[in-house]
PDB file of N, CA and C in Angstrom:
ATOM      1  N   MET A   1     -96.484   7.213  -2.931  1.00  0.00           N
ATOM      2  CA  MET A   1     -95.225   6.487  -2.920  1.00  0.00           C
ATOM      3  C   MET A   1     -94.533   6.588  -4.352  1.00  0.00           C
ATOM      4  N   TYR A   2     -93.876   7.598  -4.342  1.00  0.00           N
ATOM      5  CA  TYR A   2     -93.225   8.152  -5.638  1.00  0.00           C
ATOM      6  C   TYR A   2     -92.207   7.215  -6.078  1.00  0.00           C
ATOM      7  N   TRP A   3     -91.302   6.856  -4.926  1.00  0.00           N
ATOM      8  CA  TRP A   3     -90.199   5.824  -5.108  1.00  0.00           C
ATOM      9  C   TRP A   3     -90.723   4.602  -5.637  1.00  0.00           C
ATOM     10  N   ALA A   4     -91.899   3.998  -5.180  1.00  0.00           N
ATOM     11  CA  ALA A   4     -92.371   2.792  -5.739  1.00  0.00           C
ATOM     12  C   ALA A   4     -92.877   2.854  -7.157  1.00  0.00           C
ATOM     13  N   LYS A   5     -93.332   4.101  -7.730  1.00  0.00           N
ATOM     14  CA  LYS A   5     -93.575   4.117  -9.113  1.00  0.00           C
ATOM     15  C   LYS A   5     -92.401   4.265  -9.966  1.00  0.00           C
ATOM     16  N   LYS A   6     -91.143   4.734  -9.303  1.00  0.00           N
ATOM     17  CA  LYS A   6     -90.027   4.810  -9.972  1.00  0.00           C
ATOM     18  C   LYS A   6     -89.340   3.366 -10.134  1.00  0.00           C
ATOM     19  N   ILE A   7     -89.543   2.667  -9.007  1.00  0.00           N
ATOM     20  CA  ILE A   7     -89.185   1.272  -9.315  1.00  0.00           C
ATOM     21  C   ILE A   7     -89.736   0.515 -10.412  1.00  0.00           C
ATOM     22  N   LEU A   8     -90.994   0.713 -10.575  1.00  0.00           N
ATOM     23  CA  LEU A   8     -91.738   0.119 -11.670  1.00  0.00           C
ATOM     24  C   LEU A   8     -91.244   0.673 -12.858  1.00  0.00           C
ATOM     25  N   GLU A   9     -90.706   1.949 -13.203  1.00  0.00           N
ATOM     26  CA  GLU A   9     -90.238   2.252 -14.440  1.00  0.00           C
ATOM     27  C   GLU A   9     -88.780   1.572 -14.615  1.00  0.00           C
ATOM     28  N   TRP A  10     -88.046   1.374 -13.535  1.00  0.00           N
ATOM     29  CA  TRP A  10     -86.677   0.753 -13.712  1.00  0.00           C
ATOM     30  C   TRP A  10     -86.584  -0.739 -13.813  1.00  0.00           C
ATOM     31  N   THR A  11     -87.806  -1.429 -13.725  1.00  0.00           N
ATOM     32  CA  THR A  11     -87.680  -2.975 -13.710  1.00  0.00           C
ATOM     33  C   THR A  11     -88.337  -3.395 -14.936  1.00  0.00           C
ATOM     34  N   SER A  12     -88.232  -4.780 -15.050  1.00  0.00           N
ATOM     35  CA  SER A  12     -88.866  -5.214 -16.317  1.00  0.00           C
ATOM     36  C   SER A  12     -90.173  -5.948 -16.242  1.00  0.00           C
ATOM     37  N   SER A  13     -90.566  -5.984 -14.961  1.00  0.00           N
ATOM     38  CA  SER A  13     -91.998  -6.535 -14.667  1.00  0.00           C
ATOM     39  C   SER A  13     -92.593  -5.864 -13.457  1.00  0.00           C
ATOM     40  N   PRO A  14     -93.886  -5.920 -13.298  1.00  0.00           N
ATOM     41  CA  PRO A  14     -94.560  -5.303 -12.095  1.00  0.00           C
ATOM     42  C   PRO A  14     -94.225  -6.277 -10.884  1.00  0.00           C
ATOM     43  N   GLU A  15     -94.014  -7.551 -11.039  1.00  0.00           N
ATOM     44  CA  GLU A  15     -93.888  -8.516  -9.971  1.00  0.00           C
ATOM     45  C   GLU A  15     -92.401  -8.336  -9.519  1.00  0.00           C
ATOM     46  N   GLU A  16     -91.482  -7.802 -10.318  1.00  0.00           N
ATOM     47  CA  GLU A  16     -90.092  -7.722  -9.876  1.00  0.00           C
ATOM     48  C   GLU A  16     -90.144  -6.410  -9.015  1.00  0.00           C
ATOM     49  N   ALA A  17     -90.895  -5.330  -9.534  1.00  0.00           N
ATOM     50  CA  ALA A  17     -90.886  -3.983  -8.914  1.00  0.00           C
ATOM     51  C   ALA A  17     -91.640  -4.216  -7.457  1.00  0.00           C
ATOM     52  N   LEU A  18     -92.639  -4.771  -7.400  1.00  0.00           N
ATOM     53  CA  LEU A  18     -93.395  -5.229  -6.142  1.00  0.00           C
ATOM     54  C   LEU A  18     -92.446  -5.796  -5.105  1.00  0.00           C
ATOM     55  N   GLU A  19     -91.863  -6.767  -5.716  1.00  0.00           N
ATOM     56  CA  GLU A  19     -90.817  -7.411  -4.705  1.00  0.00           C
ATOM     57  C   GLU A  19     -89.762  -6.555  -4.122  1.00  0.00           C
ATOM     58  N   ILE A  20     -89.336  -5.797  -4.990  1.00  0.00           N
ATOM     59  CA  ILE A  20     -88.244  -4.855  -4.442  1.00  0.00           C
ATOM     60  C   ILE A  20     -88.790  -3.647  -3.597  1.00  0.00           C
ATOM     61  N   ALA A  21     -89.901  -3.253  -3.856  1.00  0.00           N
ATOM     62  CA  ALA A  21     -90.684  -2.105  -3.126  1.00  0.00           C
ATOM     63  C   ALA A  21     -90.923  -2.685  -1.869  1.00  0.00           C
ATOM     64  N   ILE A  22     -91.434  -3.967  -1.721  1.00  0.00           N
ATOM     65  CA  ILE A  22     -91.706  -4.513  -0.425  1.00  0.00           C
ATOM     66  C   ILE A  22     -90.567  -4.781   0.506  1.00  0.00           C
ATOM     67  N   ASN A  23     -89.569  -5.213  -0.080  1.00  0.00           N
ATOM     68  CA  ASN A  23     -88.077  -5.358   0.524  1.00  0.00           C
ATOM     69  C   ASN A  23     -87.638  -3.981   1.063  1.00  0.00           C
ATOM     70  N   LEU A  24     -87.759  -3.044   0.215  1.00  0.00           N
ATOM     71  CA  LEU A  24     -87.253  -1.582   0.714  1.00  0.00           C
ATOM     72  C   LEU A  24     -88.191  -1.081   1.774  1.00  0.00           C
ATOM     73  N   ASN A  25     -89.467  -1.218   1.707  1.00  0.00           N
ATOM     74  CA  ASN A  25     -90.376  -0.740   2.647  1.00  0.00           C
ATOM     75  C   ASN A  25     -90.283  -1.328   3.853  1.00  0.00           C
ATOM     76  N   ASP A  26     -89.990  -2.641   4.008  1.00  0.00           N
ATOM     77  CA  ASP A  26     -89.741  -3.466   5.152  1.00  0.00           C
ATOM     78  C   ASP A  26     -88.346  -2.872   5.860  1.00  0.00           C
ATOM     79  N   LYS A  27     -87.497  -2.659   4.978  1.00  0.00           N
ATOM     80  CA  LYS A  27     -86.188  -2.294   5.598  1.00  0.00           C
ATOM     81  C   LYS A  27     -85.980  -0.948   6.118  1.00  0.00           C
ATOM     82  N   TYR A  28     -86.492  -0.064   5.294  1.00  0.00           N
ATOM     83  CA  TYR A  28     -86.276   1.566   5.721  1.00  0.00           C
ATOM     84  C   TYR A  28     -87.463   2.199   6.303  1.00  0.00           C
ATOM     85  N   HIS A  29     -88.726   1.721   6.285  1.00  0.00           N
ATOM     86  CA  HIS A  29     -89.685   2.414   6.686  1.00  0.00           C
ATOM     87  C   HIS A  29     -90.288   2.074   7.975  1.00  0.00           C
ATOM     88  N   ILE A  30     -90.938   2.840   8.835  1.00  0.00           N
ATOM     89  CA  ILE A  30     -91.603   2.487  10.057  1.00  0.00           C
ATOM     90  C   ILE A  30     -92.532   1.690   9.897  1.00  0.00           C
ATOM     91  N   ASP A  31     -93.535   1.808   8.894  1.00  0.00           N
ATOM     92  CA  ASP A  31     -94.706   0.859   8.596  1.00  0.00           C
ATOM     93  C   ASP A  31     -94.211  -0.527   8.025  1.00  0.00           C
ATOM     94  N   GLY A  32     -92.926  -0.711   7.855  1.00  0.00           N
ATOM     95  CA  GLY A  32     -92.543  -2.047   7.386  1.00  0.00           C
ATOM     96  C   GLY A  32     -93.196  -3.155   8.027  1.00  0.00           C
ATOM     97  N   ARG A  33     -93.512  -4.085   7.222  1.00  0.00           N
ATOM     98  CA  ARG A  33     -94.388  -5.356   7.635  1.00  0.00           C
ATOM     99  C   ARG A  33     -95.652  -5.064   8.244  1.00  0.00           C
ATOM    100  N   ASP A  34     -96.139  -3.845   8.121  1.00  0.00           N
ATOM    101  CA  ASP A  34     -97.402  -3.478   8.569  1.00  0.00           C
ATOM    102  C   ASP A  34     -98.332  -3.683   7.332  1.00  0.00           C
ATOM    103  N   PRO A  35     -99.587  -3.990   7.473  1.00  0.00           N
ATOM    104  CA  PRO A  35    -100.410  -4.125   6.221  1.00  0.00           C
ATOM    105  C   PRO A  35    -100.582  -2.871   5.469  1.00  0.00           C
ATOM    106  N   ASN A  36    -100.447  -1.675   6.013  1.00  0.00           N
ATOM    107  CA  ASN A  36    -100.544  -0.484   5.432  1.00  0.00           C
ATOM    108  C   ASN A  36     -99.408  -0.233   4.440  1.00  0.00           C
ATOM    109  N   GLY A  37     -98.253  -0.804   4.845  1.00  0.00           N
ATOM    110  CA  GLY A  37     -97.049  -0.740   3.869  1.00  0.00           C
ATOM    111  C   GLY A  37     -97.216  -1.661   2.783  1.00  0.00           C
ATOM    112  N   TYR A  38     -97.819  -2.806   2.805  1.00  0.00           N
ATOM    113  CA  TYR A  38     -97.995  -3.573   1.642  1.00  0.00           C
ATOM    114  C   TYR A  38     -98.960  -2.949   0.875  1.00  0.00           C
ATOM    115  N   VAL A  39    -100.137  -2.299   1.336  1.00  0.00           N
ATOM    116  CA  VAL A  39    -101.196  -1.877   0.619  1.00  0.00           C
ATOM    117  C   VAL A  39    -100.645  -0.606  -0.263  1.00  0.00           C
ATOM    118  N   GLY A  40     -99.829   0.037   0.322  1.00  0.00           N
ATOM    119  CA  GLY A  40     -99.074   1.311  -0.301  1.00  0.00           C
ATOM    120  C   GLY A  40     -98.365   0.914  -1.448  1.00  0.00           C
ATOM    121  N   CYS A  41     -97.486  -0.254  -1.420  1.00  0.00           N
ATOM    122  CA  CYS A  41     -96.610  -0.584  -2.540  1.00  0.00           C
ATOM    123  C   CYS A  41     -97.771  -1.213  -3.547  1.00  0.00           C
ATOM    124  N   MET A  42     -98.668  -1.920  -3.130  1.00  0.00           N
ATOM    125  CA  MET A  42     -99.608  -2.461  -4.143  1.00  0.00           C
ATOM    126  C   MET A  42    -100.445  -1.411  -4.769  1.00  0.00           C
ATOM    127  N   TRP A  43    -100.730  -0.344  -4.090  1.00  0.00           N
ATOM    128  CA  TRP A  43    -101.461   0.786  -4.686  1.00  0.00           C
ATOM    129  C   TRP A  43    -100.629   1.590  -5.750  1.00  0.00           C
ATOM    130  N   SER A  44     -99.341   1.630  -5.293  1.00  0.00           N
ATOM    131  CA  SER A  44     -98.577   2.421  -6.397  1.00  0.00           C
ATOM    132  C   SER A  44     -98.080   1.489  -7.630  1.00  0.00           C
ATOM    133  N   ILE A  45     -97.832   0.372  -7.447  1.00  0.00           N
ATOM    134  CA  ILE A  45     -97.481  -0.365  -8.483  1.00  0.00           C
ATOM    135  C   ILE A  45     -98.557  -1.210  -9.304  1.00  0.00           C
ATOM    136  N   CYS A  46     -99.426  -1.763  -8.559  1.00  0.00           N
ATOM    137  CA  CYS A  46    -100.387  -2.611  -9.244  1.00  0.00           C
ATOM    138  C   CYS A  46    -101.865  -1.912  -9.463  1.00  0.00           C
ATOM    139  N   GLY A  47    -101.986  -0.730  -8.743  1.00  0.00           N
ATOM    140  CA  GLY A  47    -103.292  -0.017  -8.968  1.00  0.00           C
ATOM    141  C   GLY A  47    -104.309  -0.321  -8.215  1.00  0.00           C
ATOM    142  N   VAL A  48    -104.007  -0.993  -7.050  1.00  0.00           N
ATOM    143  CA  VAL A  48    -104.973  -1.458  -6.173  1.00  0.00           C
ATOM    144  C   VAL A  48    -105.901  -0.255  -5.494  1.00  0.00           C
ATOM    145  N   HIS A  49    -107.106  -0.287  -5.416  1.00  0.00           N
ATOM    146  CA  HIS A  49    -108.159   0.868  -5.025  1.00  0.00           C
ATOM    147  C   HIS A  49    -108.230   1.828  -6.161  1.00  0.00           C
ATOM    148  N   ASP A  50    -107.575   1.721  -7.270  1.00  0.00           N
ATOM    149  CA  ASP A  50    -107.949   2.792  -8.420  1.00  0.00           C
ATOM    150  C   ASP A  50    -109.057   2.319  -9.137  1.00  0.00           C
ATOM    151  N   GLN A  51    -109.849   3.256  -9.337  1.00  0.00           N
ATOM    152  CA  GLN A  51    -111.092   2.862 -10.269  1.00  0.00           C
ATOM    153  C   GLN A  51    -110.952   3.602 -11.586  1.00  0.00           C
TER     154      GLN A  51
END
């Protein structure tokens, strides 16, 4: 999710970036409101699943 990483660069906090990314994902993507969409945003912005 390249676009989610860019949102993180353009916002002042990870919380704000995550909120925007989830809203955009829900609005424009087929997987919007699907758990996989939320995990993708969390993975890109918060590093979920990174070791």
